[in-house]
Amino acid sequence: MLILKTFSFMKWQKKSSIKDTALIEALHEIEQGLVDADLGSGLFKKRIARPGFGKRSGFRTLIATNLNNRWIFIFGFAKNEKDNVDSAELLAL
């Protein structure tokens, strides 16, 4: 499994104190079919728990994949910062 992160995602991850183990756990959940949203074309939205809290009040990530062995964390945001990704952002991704 090859896991990649965009530079902006890495900066956001560090600022949000999200561990790599939480990202790997999210990928294993996707492989088991536990997906928050399949946005099409290999793009998924997945919740990640905030350290010390649950997924409900946690973070949202957008992950691109070829559903084989490559996973790219593209974008992350806190639920309290942004409700969802709008259609223009989705089209850009």
PDB file of N, CA and C in Angstrom:
ATOM      1  N   MET A   1       0.855  -1.177   0.000  1.00  0.00           N
ATOM      2  CA  MET A   1       0.000   0.000   0.000  1.00  0.00           C
ATOM      3  C   MET A   1       0.898   1.236   0.000  1.00  0.00           C
ATOM      4  N   LEU A   2       0.731   2.067  -0.993  1.00  0.00           N
ATOM      5  CA  LEU A   2       1.493   3.310  -1.109  1.00  0.00           C
ATOM      6  C   LEU A   2       0.589   4.462  -0.667  1.00  0.00           C
ATOM      7  N   ILE A   3       0.995   5.179   0.381  1.00  0.00           N
ATOM      8  CA  ILE A   3       0.215   6.282   0.920  1.00  0.00           C
ATOM      9  C   ILE A   3       0.975   7.573   0.682  1.00  0.00           C
ATOM     10  N   LEU A   4       0.315   8.497   0.006  1.00  0.00           N
ATOM     11  CA  LEU A   4       0.906   9.798  -0.293  1.00  0.00           C
ATOM     12  C   LEU A   4       0.048  10.897   0.307  1.00  0.00           C
ATOM     13  N   LYS A   5       0.665  12.054   0.531  1.00  0.00           N
ATOM     14  CA  LYS A   5      -0.058  13.217   1.048  1.00  0.00           C
ATOM     15  C   LYS A   5       0.414  14.445   0.287  1.00  0.00           C
ATOM     16  N   THR A   6      -0.534  15.327  -0.035  1.00  0.00           N
ATOM     17  CA  THR A   6      -0.134  16.585  -0.648  1.00  0.00           C
ATOM     18  C   THR A   6       0.557  17.438   0.409  1.00  0.00           C
ATOM     19  N   PHE A   7       1.327  18.391  -0.046  1.00  0.00           N
ATOM     20  CA  PHE A   7       2.036  19.274   0.880  1.00  0.00           C
ATOM     21  C   PHE A   7       1.050  20.029   1.764  1.00  0.00           C
ATOM     22  N   SER A   8      -0.022  20.538   1.172  1.00  0.00           N
ATOM     23  CA  SER A   8      -0.996  21.288   1.970  1.00  0.00           C
ATOM     24  C   SER A   8      -1.691  20.376   2.983  1.00  0.00           C
ATOM     25  N   PHE A   9      -1.922  19.117   2.615  1.00  0.00           N
ATOM     26  CA  PHE A   9      -2.518  18.180   3.567  1.00  0.00           C
ATOM     27  C   PHE A   9      -1.570  17.935   4.733  1.00  0.00           C
ATOM     28  N   MET A  10      -0.288  17.770   4.443  1.00  0.00           N
ATOM     29  CA  MET A  10       0.689  17.535   5.513  1.00  0.00           C
ATOM     30  C   MET A  10       0.743  18.705   6.495  1.00  0.00           C
ATOM     31  N   LYS A  11       0.681  19.930   5.980  1.00  0.00           N
ATOM     32  CA  LYS A  11       0.670  21.105   6.859  1.00  0.00           C
ATOM     33  C   LYS A  11      -0.581  21.097   7.737  1.00  0.00           C
ATOM     34  N   TRP A  12      -1.730  20.793   7.130  1.00  0.00           N
ATOM     35  CA  TRP A  12      -2.986  20.739   7.871  1.00  0.00           C
ATOM     36  C   TRP A  12      -2.944  19.622   8.909  1.00  0.00           C
ATOM     37  N   GLN A  13      -2.408  18.457   8.535  1.00  0.00           N
ATOM     38  CA  GLN A  13      -2.316  17.326   9.454  1.00  0.00           C
ATOM     39  C   GLN A  13      -1.479  17.687  10.676  1.00  0.00           C
ATOM     40  N   LYS A  14      -0.360  18.326  10.457  1.00  0.00           N
ATOM     41  CA  LYS A  14       0.511  18.712  11.569  1.00  0.00           C
ATOM     42  C   LYS A  14      -0.200  19.711  12.482  1.00  0.00           C
ATOM     43  N   LYS A  15      -0.866  20.699  11.877  1.00  0.00           N
ATOM     44  CA  LYS A  15      -1.585  21.708  12.656  1.00  0.00           C
ATOM     45  C   LYS A  15      -2.728  21.085  13.461  1.00  0.00           C
ATOM     46  N   SER A  16      -3.342  20.047  12.914  1.00  0.00           N
ATOM     47  CA  SER A  16      -4.484  19.397  13.557  1.00  0.00           C
ATOM     48  C   SER A  16      -4.093  18.263  14.490  1.00  0.00           C
ATOM     49  N   SER A  17      -2.804  17.970  14.580  1.00  0.00           N
ATOM     50  CA  SER A  17      -2.283  16.920  15.468  1.00  0.00           C
ATOM     51  C   SER A  17      -2.850  15.539  15.153  1.00  0.00           C
ATOM     52  N   ILE A  18      -2.997  15.240  13.884  1.00  0.00           N
ATOM     53  CA  ILE A  18      -3.493  13.933  13.467  1.00  0.00           C
ATOM     54  C   ILE A  18      -2.295  13.019  13.213  1.00  0.00           C
ATOM     55  N   LYS A  19      -2.318  11.864  13.825  1.00  0.00           N
ATOM     56  CA  LYS A  19      -1.236  10.900  13.670  1.00  0.00           C
ATOM     57  C   LYS A  19      -1.411  10.092  12.381  1.00  0.00           C
ATOM     58  N   ASP A  20      -0.300   9.627  11.836  1.00  0.00           N
ATOM     59  CA  ASP A  20      -0.347   8.787  10.641  1.00  0.00           C
ATOM     60  C   ASP A  20      -1.134   7.505  10.888  1.00  0.00           C
ATOM     61  N   THR A  21      -1.107   7.006  12.112  1.00  0.00           N
ATOM     62  CA  THR A  21      -1.855   5.782  12.415  1.00  0.00           C
ATOM     63  C   THR A  21      -3.361   5.982  12.220  1.00  0.00           C
ATOM     64  N   ALA A  22      -3.869   7.186  12.488  1.00  0.00           N
ATOM     65  CA  ALA A  22      -5.289   7.473  12.263  1.00  0.00           C
ATOM     66  C   ALA A  22      -5.609   7.460  10.773  1.00  0.00           C
ATOM     67  N   LEU A  23      -4.683   7.935   9.946  1.00  0.00           N
ATOM     68  CA  LEU A  23      -4.882   7.925   8.503  1.00  0.00           C
ATOM     69  C   LEU A  23      -4.877   6.497   7.966  1.00  0.00           C
ATOM     70  N   ILE A  24      -3.953   5.691   8.462  1.00  0.00           N
ATOM     71  CA  ILE A  24      -3.876   4.293   8.025  1.00  0.00           C
ATOM     72  C   ILE A  24      -5.136   3.539   8.440  1.00  0.00           C
ATOM     73  N   GLU A  25      -5.622   3.807   9.631  1.00  0.00           N
ATOM     74  CA  GLU A  25      -6.857   3.172  10.098  1.00  0.00           C
ATOM     75  C   GLU A  25      -8.030   3.547   9.191  1.00  0.00           C
ATOM     76  N   ALA A  26      -8.084   4.807   8.772  1.00  0.00           N
ATOM     77  CA  ALA A  26      -9.144   5.252   7.872  1.00  0.00           C
ATOM     78  C   ALA A  26      -9.076   4.507   6.534  1.00  0.00           C
ATOM     79  N   LEU A  27      -7.879   4.269   6.037  1.00  0.00           N
ATOM     80  CA  LEU A  27      -7.735   3.536   4.776  1.00  0.00           C
ATOM     81  C   LEU A  27      -8.179   2.087   4.916  1.00  0.00           C
ATOM     82  N   HIS A  28      -7.874   1.471   6.033  1.00  0.00           N
ATOM     83  CA  HIS A  28      -8.326   0.101   6.266  1.00  0.00           C
ATOM     84  C   HIS A  28      -9.854   0.041   6.330  1.00  0.00           C
ATOM     85  N   GLU A  29     -10.464   1.058   6.915  1.00  0.00           N
ATOM     86  CA  GLU A  29     -11.932   1.111   6.961  1.00  0.00           C
ATOM     87  C   GLU A  29     -12.516   1.248   5.553  1.00  0.00           C
ATOM     88  N   ILE A  30     -11.892   2.059   4.721  1.00  0.00           N
ATOM     89  CA  ILE A  30     -12.367   2.210   3.335  1.00  0.00           C
ATOM     90  C   ILE A  30     -12.264   0.872   2.605  1.00  0.00           C
ATOM     91  N   GLU A  31     -11.163   0.160   2.796  1.00  0.00           N
ATOM     92  CA  GLU A  31     -10.992  -1.137   2.156  1.00  0.00           C
ATOM     93  C   GLU A  31     -12.069  -2.131   2.592  1.00  0.00           C
ATOM     94  N   GLN A  32     -12.594  -1.963   3.799  1.00  0.00           N
ATOM     95  CA  GLN A  32     -13.657  -2.827   4.312  1.00  0.00           C
ATOM     96  C   GLN A  32     -15.044  -2.344   3.884  1.00  0.00           C
ATOM     97  N   GLY A  33     -15.093  -1.242   3.122  1.00  0.00           N
ATOM     98  CA  GLY A  33     -16.370  -0.721   2.646  1.00  0.00           C
ATOM     99  C   GLY A  33     -16.999   0.325   3.538  1.00  0.00           C
ATOM    100  N   LEU A  34     -16.302   0.753   4.580  1.00  0.00           N
ATOM    101  CA  LEU A  34     -16.823   1.777   5.494  1.00  0.00           C
ATOM    102  C   LEU A  34     -16.424   3.156   4.982  1.00  0.00           C
ATOM    103  N   VAL A  35     -17.226   3.674   4.061  1.00  0.00           N
ATOM    104  CA  VAL A  35     -16.933   4.950   3.402  1.00  0.00           C
ATOM    105  C   VAL A  35     -18.013   5.944   3.781  1.00  0.00           C
ATOM    106  N   ASP A  36     -17.619   7.165   4.100  1.00  0.00           N
ATOM    107  CA  ASP A  36     -18.609   8.204   4.406  1.00  0.00           C
ATOM    108  C   ASP A  36     -19.288   8.688   3.127  1.00  0.00           C
ATOM    109  N   ALA A  37     -18.497   8.856   2.060  1.00  0.00           N
ATOM    110  CA  ALA A  37     -19.076   9.268   0.774  1.00  0.00           C
ATOM    111  C   ALA A  37     -18.131   8.876  -0.346  1.00  0.00           C
ATOM    112  N   ASP A  38     -18.702   8.223  -1.359  1.00  0.00           N
ATOM    113  CA  ASP A  38     -17.969   7.929  -2.582  1.00  0.00           C
ATOM    114  C   ASP A  38     -18.311   9.058  -3.546  1.00  0.00           C
ATOM    115  N   LEU A  39     -17.339   9.927  -3.802  1.00  0.00           N
ATOM    116  CA  LEU A  39     -17.574  11.110  -4.625  1.00  0.00           C
ATOM    117  C   LEU A  39     -17.334  10.839  -6.109  1.00  0.00           C
ATOM    118  N   GLY A  40     -17.004   9.615  -6.456  1.00  0.00           N
ATOM    119  CA  GLY A  40     -16.804   9.223  -7.844  1.00  0.00           C
ATOM    120  C   GLY A  40     -15.374   9.415  -8.303  1.00  0.00           C
ATOM    121  N   SER A  41     -15.015   8.716  -9.362  1.00  0.00           N
ATOM    122  CA  SER A  41     -13.685   8.799  -9.973  1.00  0.00           C
ATOM    123  C   SER A  41     -12.551   8.528  -8.988  1.00  0.00           C
ATOM    124  N   GLY A  42     -12.787   7.628  -8.043  1.00  0.00           N
ATOM    125  CA  GLY A  42     -11.743   7.275  -7.087  1.00  0.00           C
ATOM    126  C   GLY A  42     -11.522   8.293  -5.988  1.00  0.00           C
ATOM    127  N   LEU A  43     -12.493   9.153  -5.740  1.00  0.00           N
ATOM    128  CA  LEU A  43     -12.396  10.177  -4.699  1.00  0.00           C
ATOM    129  C   LEU A  43     -13.374   9.834  -3.578  1.00  0.00           C
ATOM    130  N   PHE A  44     -12.854   9.772  -2.354  1.00  0.00           N
ATOM    131  CA  PHE A  44     -13.670   9.417  -1.199  1.00  0.00           C
ATOM    132  C   PHE A  44     -13.564  10.483  -0.126  1.00  0.00           C
ATOM    133  N   LYS A  45     -14.655  10.626   0.632  1.00  0.00           N
ATOM    134  CA  LYS A  45     -14.645  11.469   1.825  1.00  0.00           C
ATOM    135  C   LYS A  45     -14.697  10.524   3.017  1.00  0.00           C
ATOM    136  N   LYS A  46     -13.799  10.751   3.983  1.00  0.00           N
ATOM    137  CA  LYS A  46     -13.708   9.868   5.141  1.00  0.00           C
ATOM    138  C   LYS A  46     -13.513  10.681   6.412  1.00  0.00           C
ATOM    139  N   ARG A  47     -14.259  10.313   7.453  1.00  0.00           N
ATOM    140  CA  ARG A  47     -14.107  10.963   8.765  1.00  0.00           C
ATOM    141  C   ARG A  47     -12.924  10.374   9.512  1.00  0.00           C
ATOM    142  N   ILE A  48     -12.236  11.237  10.221  1.00  0.00           N
ATOM    143  CA  ILE A  48     -11.141  10.819  11.096  1.00  0.00           C
ATOM    144  C   ILE A  48     -11.390  11.455  12.453  1.00  0.00           C
ATOM    145  N   ALA A  49     -11.259  10.652  13.498  1.00  0.00           N
ATOM    146  CA  ALA A  49     -11.536  11.137  14.852  1.00  0.00           C
ATOM    147  C   ALA A  49     -10.524  12.189  15.280  1.00  0.00           C
ATOM    148  N   ARG A  50     -11.023  13.196  15.955  1.00  0.00           N
ATOM    149  CA  ARG A  50     -10.162  14.196  16.582  1.00  0.00           C
ATOM    150  C   ARG A  50      -9.505  13.534  17.786  1.00  0.00           C
ATOM    151  N   PRO A  51      -8.201  13.730  17.990  1.00  0.00           N
ATOM    152  CA  PRO A  51      -7.537  13.095  19.135  1.00  0.00           C
ATOM    153  C   PRO A  51      -8.267  13.397  20.446  1.00  0.00           C
ATOM    154  N   GLY A  52      -8.665  12.340  21.140  1.00  0.00           N
ATOM    155  CA  GLY A  52      -9.378  12.493  22.403  1.00  0.00           C
ATOM    156  C   GLY A  52     -10.886  12.593  22.253  1.00  0.00           C
ATOM    157  N   PHE A  53     -11.397  12.632  21.023  1.00  0.00           N
ATOM    158  CA  PHE A  53     -12.829  12.734  20.764  1.00  0.00           C
ATOM    159  C   PHE A  53     -13.219  11.668  19.746  1.00  0.00           C
ATOM    160  N   GLY A  54     -14.436  11.689  19.305  1.00  0.00           N
ATOM    161  CA  GLY A  54     -14.903  10.725  18.321  1.00  0.00           C
ATOM    162  C   GLY A  54     -14.894  11.299  16.911  1.00  0.00           C
ATOM    163  N   LYS A  55     -15.369  10.498  15.977  1.00  0.00           N
ATOM    164  CA  LYS A  55     -15.405  10.923  14.572  1.00  0.00           C
ATOM    165  C   LYS A  55     -16.449  11.998  14.317  1.00  0.00           C
ATOM    166  N   ARG A  56     -17.536  11.975  15.097  1.00  0.00           N
ATOM    167  CA  ARG A  56     -18.626  12.916  14.860  1.00  0.00           C
ATOM    168  C   ARG A  56     -18.160  14.366  14.947  1.00  0.00           C
ATOM    169  N   SER A  57     -17.317  14.664  15.919  1.00  0.00           N
ATOM    170  CA  SER A  57     -16.822  16.041  16.069  1.00  0.00           C
ATOM    171  C   SER A  57     -15.410  16.175  15.518  1.00  0.00           C
ATOM    172  N   GLY A  58     -15.022  15.248  14.675  1.00  0.00           N
ATOM    173  CA  GLY A  58     -13.651  15.204  14.195  1.00  0.00           C
ATOM    174  C   GLY A  58     -13.411  15.907  12.881  1.00  0.00           C
ATOM    175  N   PHE A  59     -12.585  15.281  12.071  1.00  0.00           N
ATOM    176  CA  PHE A  59     -12.117  15.858  10.820  1.00  0.00           C
ATOM    177  C   PHE A  59     -12.691  15.111   9.628  1.00  0.00           C
ATOM    178  N   ARG A  60     -12.696  15.785   8.496  1.00  0.00           N
ATOM    179  CA  ARG A  60     -13.097  15.177   7.230  1.00  0.00           C
ATOM    180  C   ARG A  60     -11.895  15.220   6.304  1.00  0.00           C
ATOM    181  N   THR A  61     -11.669  14.148   5.584  1.00  0.00           N
ATOM    182  CA  THR A  61     -10.568  14.117   4.626  1.00  0.00           C
ATOM    183  C   THR A  61     -11.083  13.684   3.264  1.00  0.00           C
ATOM    184  N   LEU A  62     -10.420  14.157   2.225  1.00  0.00           N
ATOM    185  CA  LEU A  62     -10.689  13.705   0.867  1.00  0.00           C
ATOM    186  C   LEU A  62      -9.484  12.895   0.420  1.00  0.00           C
ATOM    187  N   ILE A  63      -9.765  11.692  -0.069  1.00  0.00           N
ATOM    188  CA  ILE A  63      -8.723  10.750  -0.428  1.00  0.00           C
ATOM    189  C   ILE A  63      -8.954  10.284  -1.857  1.00  0.00           C
ATOM    190  N   ALA A  64      -7.910  10.353  -2.666  1.00  0.00           N
ATOM    191  CA  ALA A  64      -7.970   9.835  -4.032  1.00  0.00           C
ATOM    192  C   ALA A  64      -7.278   8.480  -4.057  1.00  0.00           C
ATOM    193  N   THR A  65      -7.803   7.568  -4.882  1.00  0.00           N
ATOM    194  CA  THR A  65      -7.216   6.239  -4.951  1.00  0.00           C
ATOM    195  C   THR A  65      -7.485   5.580  -6.287  1.00  0.00           C
ATOM    196  N   ASN A  66      -6.661   4.586  -6.588  1.00  0.00           N
ATOM    197  CA  ASN A  66      -6.941   3.740  -7.740  1.00  0.00           C
ATOM    198  C   ASN A  66      -7.582   2.435  -7.262  1.00  0.00           C
ATOM    199  N   LEU A  67      -7.961   2.375  -5.976  1.00  0.00           N
ATOM    200  CA  LEU A  67      -8.581   1.228  -5.311  1.00  0.00           C
ATOM    201  C   LEU A  67      -7.735  -0.029  -5.399  1.00  0.00           C
ATOM    202  N   ASN A  68      -6.464   0.139  -5.607  1.00  0.00           N
ATOM    203  CA  ASN A  68      -5.580  -1.008  -5.656  1.00  0.00           C
ATOM    204  C   ASN A  68      -4.526  -0.866  -4.572  1.00  0.00           C
ATOM    205  N   ASN A  69      -3.557  -0.001  -4.810  1.00  0.00           N
ATOM    206  CA  ASN A  69      -2.482   0.126  -3.831  1.00  0.00           C
ATOM    207  C   ASN A  69      -2.020   1.556  -3.625  1.00  0.00           C
ATOM    208  N   ARG A  70      -2.639   2.524  -4.277  1.00  0.00           N
ATOM    209  CA  ARG A  70      -2.233   3.929  -4.123  1.00  0.00           C
ATOM    210  C   ARG A  70      -3.344   4.748  -3.494  1.00  0.00           C
ATOM    211  N   TRP A  71      -2.963   5.459  -2.432  1.00  0.00           N
ATOM    212  CA  TRP A  71      -3.903   6.308  -1.697  1.00  0.00           C
ATOM    213  C   TRP A  71      -3.257   7.676  -1.515  1.00  0.00           C
ATOM    214  N   ILE A  72      -3.986   8.716  -1.867  1.00  0.00           N
ATOM    215  CA  ILE A  72      -3.447  10.074  -1.767  1.00  0.00           C
ATOM    216  C   ILE A  72      -4.395  10.924  -0.924  1.00  0.00           C
ATOM    217  N   PHE A  73      -3.896  11.383   0.215  1.00  0.00           N
ATOM    218  CA  PHE A  73      -4.661  12.304   1.043  1.00  0.00           C
ATOM    219  C   PHE A  73      -4.505  13.698   0.432  1.00  0.00           C
ATOM    220  N   ILE A  74      -5.630  14.250  -0.027  1.00  0.00           N
ATOM    221  CA  ILE A  74      -5.609  15.502  -0.778  1.00  0.00           C
ATOM    222  C   ILE A  74      -5.964  16.706   0.081  1.00  0.00           C
ATOM    223  N   PHE A  75      -7.018  16.581   0.875  1.00  0.00           N
ATOM    224  CA  PHE A  75      -7.594  17.741   1.542  1.00  0.00           C
ATOM    225  C   PHE A  75      -8.161  17.303   2.883  1.00  0.00           C
ATOM    226  N   GLY A  76      -8.052  18.142   3.892  1.00  0.00           N
ATOM    227  CA  GLY A  76      -8.625  17.861   5.190  1.00  0.00           C
ATOM    228  C   GLY A  76      -9.204  19.123   5.799  1.00  0.00           C
ATOM    229  N   PHE A  77     -10.262  18.938   6.576  1.00  0.00           N
ATOM    230  CA  PHE A  77     -10.884  20.082   7.239  1.00  0.00           C
ATOM    231  C   PHE A  77     -11.642  19.600   8.468  1.00  0.00           C
ATOM    232  N   ALA A  78     -11.777  20.497   9.426  1.00  0.00           N
ATOM    233  CA  ALA A  78     -12.561  20.200  10.628  1.00  0.00           C
ATOM    234  C   ALA A  78     -14.027  20.467  10.335  1.00  0.00           C
ATOM    235  N   LYS A  79     -14.888  19.679  10.926  1.00  0.00           N
ATOM    236  CA  LYS A  79     -16.317  19.838  10.698  1.00  0.00           C
ATOM    237  C   LYS A  79     -16.796  21.222  11.127  1.00  0.00           C
ATOM    238  N   ASN A  80     -16.201  21.775  12.184  1.00  0.00           N
ATOM    239  CA  ASN A  80     -16.640  23.094  12.651  1.00  0.00           C
ATOM    240  C   ASN A  80     -16.101  24.232  11.784  1.00  0.00           C
ATOM    241  N   GLU A  81     -15.126  23.957  10.899  1.00  0.00           N
ATOM    242  CA  GLU A  81     -14.594  24.978   9.995  1.00  0.00           C
ATOM    243  C   GLU A  81     -15.378  25.047   8.689  1.00  0.00           C
ATOM    244  N   LYS A  82     -15.867  23.913   8.255  1.00  0.00           N
ATOM    245  CA  LYS A  82     -16.494  23.826   6.948  1.00  0.00           C
ATOM    246  C   LYS A  82     -17.506  22.690   6.988  1.00  0.00           C
ATOM    247  N   ASP A  83     -18.707  22.941   6.459  1.00  0.00           N
ATOM    248  CA  ASP A  83     -19.732  21.897   6.470  1.00  0.00           C
ATOM    249  C   ASP A  83     -19.433  20.785   5.475  1.00  0.00           C
ATOM    250  N   ASN A  84     -19.077  21.170   4.259  1.00  0.00           N
ATOM    251  CA  ASN A  84     -18.866  20.186   3.218  1.00  0.00           C
ATOM    252  C   ASN A  84     -18.044  20.799   2.099  1.00  0.00           C
ATOM    253  N   VAL A  85     -17.700  19.998   1.122  1.00  0.00           N
ATOM    254  CA  VAL A  85     -16.983  20.467  -0.047  1.00  0.00           C
ATOM    255  C   VAL A  85     -18.038  20.867  -1.079  1.00  0.00           C
ATOM    256  N   ASP A  86     -17.924  22.082  -1.607  1.00  0.00           N
ATOM    257  CA  ASP A  86     -18.923  22.500  -2.584  1.00  0.00           C
ATOM    258  C   ASP A  86     -18.601  21.932  -3.963  1.00  0.00           C
ATOM    259  N   SER A  87     -19.528  22.103  -4.890  1.00  0.00           N
ATOM    260  CA  SER A  87     -19.399  21.478  -6.214  1.00  0.00           C
ATOM    261  C   SER A  87     -18.203  22.008  -7.009  1.00  0.00           C
ATOM    262  N   ALA A  88     -17.867  23.280  -6.841  1.00  0.00           N
ATOM    263  CA  ALA A  88     -16.706  23.841  -7.554  1.00  0.00           C
ATOM    264  C   ALA A  88     -15.415  23.219  -7.047  1.00  0.00           C
ATOM    265  N   GLU A  89     -15.307  23.045  -5.723  1.00  0.00           N
ATOM    266  CA  GLU A  89     -14.118  22.406  -5.148  1.00  0.00           C
ATOM    267  C   GLU A  89     -14.034  20.938  -5.581  1.00  0.00           C
ATOM    268  N   LEU A  90     -15.182  20.278  -5.596  1.00  0.00           N
ATOM    269  CA  LEU A  90     -15.210  18.880  -6.008  1.00  0.00           C
ATOM    270  C   LEU A  90     -14.770  18.723  -7.455  1.00  0.00           C
ATOM    271  N   LEU A  91     -15.221  19.616  -8.308  1.00  0.00           N
ATOM    272  CA  LEU A  91     -14.828  19.574  -9.714  1.00  0.00           C
ATOM    273  C   LEU A  91     -13.325  19.794  -9.867  1.00  0.00           C
ATOM    274  N   ALA A  92     -12.771  20.696  -9.074  1.00  0.00           N
ATOM    275  CA  ALA A  92     -11.324  20.958  -9.128  1.00  0.00           C
ATOM    276  C   ALA A  92     -10.529  19.742  -8.684  1.00  0.00           C
ATOM    277  N   LEU A  93     -11.055  19.025  -7.705  1.00  0.00           N
ATOM    278  CA  LEU A  93     -10.362  17.831  -7.220  1.00  0.00           C
ATOM    279  C   LEU A  93     -10.490  16.688  -8.196  1.00  0.00           C
TER     280      LEU A  93
END
